[in-house]
Amino acid sequence: MKPWNVLAATLCISLVPLLSTGTLQAQRDHGPRGGSAGAGSYYHTLNPNEQTFFNQALLRFQEVDSVSGTIEKGVGLGPTFQRQ
C-alpha cells in the first residue's frame, strides 16, 4: 500500500469515533411524563367506520369472562379442560 493510502485510511478510521461521540451524547432520558397517559381511545385520524370498529372491540375487550365457571354458572372452558 502506498503511504498516503494508509494515512487516508487511518484518518477515516480515527474520525468515525470522534465524529460519532456528539450523536452518542445527544440521547438523554427525560424521565416519566407528567399528566395523564393519554391512552384508551382511538387515533383521531381514524374514519368513522374505523372508530366504530375500535369502540366495538373495546367493549368486547372489557367484558369479563369466566374461565372456571364461577362468575357465570355452568359456563367455563368446557368438559375437555375441566377436572371432572
C-alpha atoms as a PDB file:
ATOM      1  CA  MET A   1       0.000   0.000   0.000  1.00  0.00           C
ATOM      2  CA  LYS A   2       1.126   3.493  -0.665  1.00  0.00           C
ATOM      3  CA  PRO A   3       1.818   5.687   2.366  1.00  0.00           C
ATOM      4  CA  TRP A   4      -0.863   8.206   1.513  1.00  0.00           C
ATOM      5  CA  ASN A   5      -3.487   5.412   1.272  1.00  0.00           C
ATOM      6  CA  VAL A   6      -2.525   4.222   4.731  1.00  0.00           C
ATOM      7  CA  LEU A   7      -2.722   7.782   6.017  1.00  0.00           C
ATOM      8  CA  ALA A   8      -6.148   8.302   4.444  1.00  0.00           C
ATOM      9  CA  ALA A   9      -7.459   5.010   5.847  1.00  0.00           C
ATOM     10  CA  THR A  10      -6.086   5.792   9.301  1.00  0.00           C
ATOM     11  CA  LEU A  11      -7.622   9.248   9.200  1.00  0.00           C
ATOM     12  CA  CYS A  12     -11.035   7.882   8.207  1.00  0.00           C
ATOM     13  CA  ILE A  13     -10.959   5.170  10.842  1.00  0.00           C
ATOM     14  CA  SER A  14      -9.994   7.623  13.574  1.00  0.00           C
ATOM     15  CA  LEU A  15     -12.545  10.251  12.536  1.00  0.00           C
ATOM     16  CA  VAL A  16     -15.567   7.931  12.762  1.00  0.00           C
ATOM     17  CA  PRO A  17     -15.455   7.513  16.578  1.00  0.00           C
ATOM     18  CA  LEU A  18     -14.514  11.149  17.021  1.00  0.00           C
ATOM     19  CA  LEU A  19     -17.456  12.430  14.987  1.00  0.00           C
ATOM     20  CA  SER A  20     -19.962   9.938  16.399  1.00  0.00           C
ATOM     21  CA  THR A  21     -19.389  10.978  20.018  1.00  0.00           C
ATOM     22  CA  GLY A  22     -21.582  14.023  19.500  1.00  0.00           C
ATOM     23  CA  THR A  23     -24.533  11.894  18.441  1.00  0.00           C
ATOM     24  CA  LEU A  24     -23.940   9.340  21.172  1.00  0.00           C
ATOM     25  CA  GLN A  25     -24.031  12.012  23.856  1.00  0.00           C
ATOM     26  CA  ALA A  26     -27.172  13.598  22.403  1.00  0.00           C
ATOM     27  CA  GLN A  27     -29.535  10.919  23.780  1.00  0.00           C
ATOM     28  CA  ARG A  28     -30.971  11.565  27.188  1.00  0.00           C
ATOM     29  CA  ASP A  29     -33.769  10.193  29.281  1.00  0.00           C
ATOM     30  CA  HIS A  30     -36.383  12.768  30.166  1.00  0.00           C
ATOM     31  CA  GLY A  31     -37.921  10.504  32.809  1.00  0.00           C
ATOM     32  CA  PRO A  32     -41.607   9.831  33.355  1.00  0.00           C
ATOM     33  CA  ARG A  33     -44.052  12.058  31.541  1.00  0.00           C
ATOM     34  CA  GLY A  34     -46.276  14.173  33.755  1.00  0.00           C
ATOM     35  CA  GLY A  35     -50.056  14.248  33.497  1.00  0.00           C
ATOM     36  CA  SER A  36     -52.388  11.572  32.240  1.00  0.00           C
ATOM     37  CA  ALA A  37     -51.202   8.798  29.981  1.00  0.00           C
ATOM     38  CA  GLY A  38     -53.391   9.886  27.091  1.00  0.00           C
ATOM     39  CA  ALA A  39     -54.296   6.286  26.268  1.00  0.00           C
ATOM     40  CA  GLY A  40     -57.557   4.387  25.994  1.00  0.00           C
ATOM     41  CA  SER A  41     -59.035   5.971  22.922  1.00  0.00           C
ATOM     42  CA  TYR A  42     -58.639   5.660  19.180  1.00  0.00           C
ATOM     43  CA  TYR A  43     -56.350   7.683  16.968  1.00  0.00           C
ATOM     44  CA  HIS A  44     -58.056  10.851  15.841  1.00  0.00           C
ATOM     45  CA  THR A  45     -57.068  10.149  12.234  1.00  0.00           C
ATOM     46  CA  LEU A  46     -59.431   7.156  12.008  1.00  0.00           C
ATOM     47  CA  ASN A  47     -62.511   7.488   9.830  1.00  0.00           C
ATOM     48  CA  PRO A  48     -65.993   6.924  11.369  1.00  0.00           C
ATOM     49  CA  ASN A  49     -66.105   3.235  10.354  1.00  0.00           C
ATOM     50  CA  GLU A  50     -62.750   2.580  11.986  1.00  0.00           C
ATOM     51  CA  GLN A  51     -63.815   4.474  15.115  1.00  0.00           C
ATOM     52  CA  THR A  52     -66.937   2.315  15.370  1.00  0.00           C
ATOM     53  CA  PHE A  53     -64.856  -0.826  14.919  1.00  0.00           C
ATOM     54  CA  PHE A  54     -62.497   0.343  17.664  1.00  0.00           C
ATOM     55  CA  ASN A  55     -65.340   1.084  20.074  1.00  0.00           C
ATOM     56  CA  GLN A  56     -66.942  -2.336  19.458  1.00  0.00           C
ATOM     57  CA  ALA A  57     -63.607  -4.077  20.016  1.00  0.00           C
ATOM     58  CA  LEU A  58     -63.051  -2.056  23.191  1.00  0.00           C
ATOM     59  CA  LEU A  59     -66.418  -3.206  24.568  1.00  0.00           C
ATOM     60  CA  ARG A  60     -65.547  -6.846  23.843  1.00  0.00           C
ATOM     61  CA  PHE A  61     -62.138  -6.408  25.423  1.00  0.00           C
ATOM     62  CA  GLN A  62     -63.674  -5.039  28.621  1.00  0.00           C
ATOM     63  CA  GLU A  63     -66.068  -7.988  29.013  1.00  0.00           C
ATOM     64  CA  VAL A  64     -65.357 -10.248  31.961  1.00  0.00           C
ATOM     65  CA  ASP A  65     -65.466 -13.905  31.005  1.00  0.00           C
ATOM     66  CA  SER A  66     -65.306 -16.786  33.449  1.00  0.00           C
ATOM     67  CA  VAL A  67     -62.770 -19.490  32.805  1.00  0.00           C
ATOM     68  CA  SER A  68     -63.673 -21.637  35.795  1.00  0.00           C
ATOM     69  CA  GLY A  69     -67.443 -21.068  35.635  1.00  0.00           C
ATOM     70  CA  THR A  70     -67.642 -19.213  38.954  1.00  0.00           C
ATOM     71  CA  ILE A  71     -68.898 -15.901  37.534  1.00  0.00           C
ATOM     72  CA  GLU A  72     -71.443 -17.365  35.133  1.00  0.00           C
ATOM     73  CA  LYS A  73     -72.908 -20.601  36.455  1.00  0.00           C
ATOM     74  CA  GLY A  74     -72.036 -23.546  34.250  1.00  0.00           C
ATOM     75  CA  VAL A  75     -70.037 -21.522  31.743  1.00  0.00           C
ATOM     76  CA  GLY A  76     -66.333 -22.228  31.602  1.00  0.00           C
ATOM     77  CA  LEU A  77     -63.800 -23.860  29.346  1.00  0.00           C
ATOM     78  CA  GLY A  78     -65.925 -26.961  28.911  1.00  0.00           C
ATOM     79  CA  PRO A  79     -65.529 -30.614  29.836  1.00  0.00           C
ATOM     80  CA  THR A  80     -62.263 -31.016  27.960  1.00  0.00           C
ATOM     81  CA  PHE A  81     -60.454 -28.569  30.240  1.00  0.00           C
ATOM     82  CA  GLN A  82     -62.396 -29.181  33.463  1.00  0.00           C
ATOM     83  CA  ARG A  83     -61.152 -31.618  36.134  1.00  0.00           C
ATOM     84  CA  GLN A  84     -64.113 -33.908  36.483  1.00  0.00           C
END
